[in-house]
C-alpha atoms as a PDB file:
ATOM      1  CA  MET A   1     -69.017-117.843  66.756  1.00  0.00           C
ATOM      2  CA  LYS A   2     -71.522-116.115  64.480  1.00  0.00           C
ATOM      3  CA  PRO A   3     -70.141-113.881  61.731  1.00  0.00           C
ATOM      4  CA  LYS A   4     -70.917-110.223  62.502  1.00  0.00           C
ATOM      5  CA  ILE A   5     -72.429-108.011  59.793  1.00  0.00           C
ATOM      6  CA  LEU A   6     -72.819-104.239  59.951  1.00  0.00           C
ATOM      7  CA  ILE A   7     -75.892-103.075  57.999  1.00  0.00           C
ATOM      8  CA  ILE A   8     -75.958 -99.365  57.159  1.00  0.00           C
ATOM      9  CA  ASP A   9     -79.169 -97.953  55.710  1.00  0.00           C
ATOM     10  CA  ASP A  10     -81.483 -95.091  56.634  1.00  0.00           C
ATOM     11  CA  ASN A  11     -84.591 -96.953  55.447  1.00  0.00           C
ATOM     12  CA  ASP A  12     -86.225 -98.847  58.344  1.00  0.00           C
ATOM     13  CA  LEU A  13     -88.028-101.299  56.063  1.00  0.00           C
ATOM     14  CA  THR A  14     -84.795-102.243  54.273  1.00  0.00           C
ATOM     15  CA  LEU A  15     -83.011-102.631  57.621  1.00  0.00           C
ATOM     16  CA  LYS A  16     -85.739-104.900  58.980  1.00  0.00           C
ATOM     17  CA  LEU A  17     -85.758-107.046  55.832  1.00  0.00           C
ATOM     18  CA  ILE A  18     -81.973-107.513  55.732  1.00  0.00           C
ATOM     19  CA  ARG A  19     -81.790-108.090  59.485  1.00  0.00           C
ATOM     20  CA  PHE A  20     -84.524-110.754  59.269  1.00  0.00           C
ATOM     21  CA  ILE A  21     -82.825-112.589  56.377  1.00  0.00           C
ATOM     22  CA  LEU A  22     -79.401-112.597  58.019  1.00  0.00           C
ATOM     23  CA  GLU A  23     -80.439-113.352  61.615  1.00  0.00           C
ATOM     24  CA  LYS A  24     -82.519-116.259  60.327  1.00  0.00           C
ATOM     25  CA  ASN A  25     -79.275-117.572  58.794  1.00  0.00           C
ATOM     26  CA  ASN A  26     -77.269-117.297  61.999  1.00  0.00           C
ATOM     27  CA  PHE A  27     -75.465-113.978  61.526  1.00  0.00           C
ATOM     28  CA  GLU A  28     -74.955-111.412  64.286  1.00  0.00           C
ATOM     29  CA  ILE A  29     -76.261-108.003  63.184  1.00  0.00           C
ATOM     30  CA  VAL A  30     -75.113-104.472  63.994  1.00  0.00           C
ATOM     31  CA  ILE A  31     -77.202-101.565  62.642  1.00  0.00           C
ATOM     32  CA  ALA A  32     -76.327 -97.982  61.698  1.00  0.00           C
ATOM     33  CA  LYS A  33     -78.667 -95.443  60.093  1.00  0.00           C
ATOM     34  CA  ASP A  34     -76.261 -92.734  58.919  1.00  0.00           C
ATOM     35  CA  GLY A  35     -72.677 -92.342  57.770  1.00  0.00           C
ATOM     36  CA  ILE A  36     -71.279 -90.958  61.017  1.00  0.00           C
ATOM     37  CA  GLU A  37     -72.915 -93.654  63.153  1.00  0.00           C
ATOM     38  CA  ALA A  38     -71.706 -96.258  60.625  1.00  0.00           C
ATOM     39  CA  ILE A  39     -68.055 -95.292  61.025  1.00  0.00           C
ATOM     40  CA  LYS A  40     -68.364 -95.302  64.834  1.00  0.00           C
ATOM     41  CA  LYS A  41     -70.070 -98.713  64.857  1.00  0.00           C
ATOM     42  CA  PHE A  42     -67.516-100.132  62.428  1.00  0.00           C
ATOM     43  CA  ASP A  43     -64.612 -98.943  64.568  1.00  0.00           C
ATOM     44  CA  GLN A  44     -66.262-100.248  67.776  1.00  0.00           C
ATOM     45  CA  THR A  45     -67.546-103.628  66.602  1.00  0.00           C
ATOM     46  CA  LYS A  46     -65.049-104.742  63.909  1.00  0.00           C
ATOM     47  CA  PRO A  47     -67.640-106.616  61.799  1.00  0.00           C
ATOM     48  CA  ASP A  48     -66.759-109.449  59.422  1.00  0.00           C
ATOM     49  CA  LEU A  49     -68.709-107.835  56.546  1.00  0.00           C
ATOM     50  CA  VAL A  50     -70.424-104.517  55.832  1.00  0.00           C
ATOM     51  CA  LEU A  51     -73.586-103.851  53.802  1.00  0.00           C
ATOM     52  CA  VAL A  52     -73.910-100.133  53.050  1.00  0.00           C
ATOM     53  CA  ASP A  53     -76.469 -98.066  51.169  1.00  0.00           C
ATOM     54  CA  ILE A  54     -75.025 -95.308  48.977  1.00  0.00           C
ATOM     55  CA  LEU A  55     -77.446 -92.548  49.963  1.00  0.00           C
ATOM     56  CA  LEU A  56     -77.050 -91.883  53.691  1.00  0.00           C
ATOM     57  CA  PRO A  57     -77.399 -88.812  55.914  1.00  0.00           C
ATOM     58  CA  PHE A  58     -74.200 -86.973  57.000  1.00  0.00           C
ATOM     59  CA  LYS A  59     -71.697 -89.112  55.037  1.00  0.00           C
ATOM     60  CA  SER A  60     -72.380 -91.074  51.863  1.00  0.00           C
ATOM     61  CA  GLY A  61     -72.081 -94.825  51.693  1.00  0.00           C
ATOM     62  CA  LEU A  62     -69.037 -94.365  49.463  1.00  0.00           C
ATOM     63  CA  GLU A  63     -67.342 -92.207  52.121  1.00  0.00           C
ATOM     64  CA  VAL A  64     -68.126 -94.912  54.680  1.00  0.00           C
ATOM     65  CA  ALA A  65     -66.755 -97.607  52.339  1.00  0.00           C
ATOM     66  CA  HIS A  66     -63.592 -95.554  51.831  1.00  0.00           C
ATOM     67  CA  HIS A  67     -63.096 -95.260  55.616  1.00  0.00           C
ATOM     68  CA  ILE A  68     -63.623 -98.985  56.123  1.00  0.00           C
ATOM     69  CA  LYS A  69     -61.217 -99.976  53.352  1.00  0.00           C
ATOM     70  CA  SER A  70     -58.560 -97.523  54.605  1.00  0.00           C
ATOM     71  CA  VAL A  71     -58.785 -98.968  58.139  1.00  0.00           C
ATOM     72  CA  SER A  72     -59.369-102.618  57.266  1.00  0.00           C
ATOM     73  CA  SER A  73     -58.808-103.523  53.616  1.00  0.00           C
ATOM     74  CA  GLN A  74     -59.681-107.184  54.331  1.00  0.00           C
ATOM     75  CA  THR A  75     -63.253-106.446  55.492  1.00  0.00           C
ATOM     76  CA  PRO A  76     -65.673-107.145  52.620  1.00  0.00           C
ATOM     77  CA  VAL A  77     -67.927-104.190  51.763  1.00  0.00           C
ATOM     78  CA  VAL A  78     -71.108-104.618  49.724  1.00  0.00           C
ATOM     79  CA  VAL A  79     -72.793-101.481  48.400  1.00  0.00           C
ATOM     80  CA  LEU A  80     -76.586-101.433  48.097  1.00  0.00           C
ATOM     81  CA  SER A  81     -78.189 -98.894  45.802  1.00  0.00           C
ATOM     82  CA  ALA A  82     -81.485 -97.970  44.218  1.00  0.00           C
ATOM     83  CA  LEU A  83     -79.949 -95.084  42.303  1.00  0.00           C
ATOM     84  CA  GLY A  84     -81.119 -94.706  38.713  1.00  0.00           C
ATOM     85  CA  ASP A  85     -77.733 -93.847  37.167  1.00  0.00           C
ATOM     86  CA  GLU A  86     -76.458 -97.280  38.035  1.00  0.00           C
ATOM     87  CA  GLU A  87     -73.479 -97.633  35.719  1.00  0.00           C
ATOM     88  CA  SER A  88     -71.542 -94.609  37.012  1.00  0.00           C
ATOM     89  CA  THR A  89     -72.573 -95.456  40.583  1.00  0.00           C
ATOM     90  CA  VAL A  90     -71.204 -98.975  40.219  1.00  0.00           C
ATOM     91  CA  GLU A  91     -67.957 -97.650  38.702  1.00  0.00           C
ATOM     92  CA  LYS A  92     -67.584 -95.137  41.534  1.00  0.00           C
ATOM     93  CA  ALA A  93     -68.243 -97.838  44.143  1.00  0.00           C
ATOM     94  CA  PHE A  94     -65.567-100.115  42.695  1.00  0.00           C
ATOM     95  CA  GLU A  95     -63.090 -97.192  42.615  1.00  0.00           C
ATOM     96  CA  PHE A  96     -63.510 -97.226  46.416  1.00  0.00           C
ATOM     97  CA  GLU A  97     -62.497-100.914  46.352  1.00  0.00           C
ATOM     98  CA  VAL A  98     -65.862-102.299  47.448  1.00  0.00           C
ATOM     99  CA  ASP A  99     -66.195-106.058  47.060  1.00  0.00           C
ATOM    100  CA  ASP A 100     -69.688-106.270  45.583  1.00  0.00           C
ATOM    101  CA  PHE A 101     -72.665-104.190  44.471  1.00  0.00           C
ATOM    102  CA  ILE A 102     -76.337-105.138  44.819  1.00  0.00           C
ATOM    103  CA  SER A 103     -79.148-103.151  43.185  1.00  0.00           C
ATOM    104  CA  LYS A 104     -82.332-102.532  45.126  1.00  0.00           C
ATOM    105  CA  PRO A 105     -84.771-104.146  45.090  1.00  0.00           C
ATOM    106  CA  PHE A 106     -82.895-107.425  45.538  1.00  0.00           C
ATOM    107  CA  SER A 107     -84.009-110.960  46.257  1.00  0.00           C
ATOM    108  CA  PRO A 108     -83.330-112.310  49.757  1.00  0.00           C
ATOM    109  CA  ASN A 109     -81.602-115.365  48.217  1.00  0.00           C
ATOM    110  CA  GLU A 110     -79.258-113.203  46.140  1.00  0.00           C
ATOM    111  CA  LEU A 111     -78.279-111.177  49.204  1.00  0.00           C
ATOM    112  CA  LEU A 112     -77.644-114.311  51.249  1.00  0.00           C
ATOM    113  CA  LEU A 113     -75.593-116.003  48.508  1.00  0.00           C
ATOM    114  CA  ARG A 114     -73.365-112.947  48.059  1.00  0.00           C
ATOM    115  CA  VAL A 115     -72.838-112.512  51.809  1.00  0.00           C
ATOM    116  CA  LYS A 116     -71.930-116.171  52.251  1.00  0.00           C
ATOM    117  CA  ARG A 117     -69.559-116.066  49.254  1.00  0.00           C
ATOM    118  CA  LEU A 118     -67.686-113.052  50.646  1.00  0.00           C
ATOM    119  CA  LEU A 119     -67.376-114.595  54.116  1.00  0.00           C
ATOM    120  CA  LYS A 120     -65.753-117.845  52.878  1.00  0.00           C
END
């Protein structure tokens, strides 16, 4: 059975890139484009890993991460961010018990390596 990954980002180009990388490597993909949809999709699909952008419509990526960790602390959550004030953003993300943080832009290989490491 393919591992299922929920990708949450409101940028279509980012979604397409991540989806392409992960589907090519035999992962099942679920997509959400805002915080509210992300929580619904997480609760419905029970993914094995979540990739979430910080800046999302309706609910922030950190609010989504908090929901996921409160419902399923074992599900790895990776925060993606292009925010300039990276240090405080990273600290805030780890306060929400996320498992990893990747700065945009990122290399496809780095993304794949981190996903595979968290799914071991």
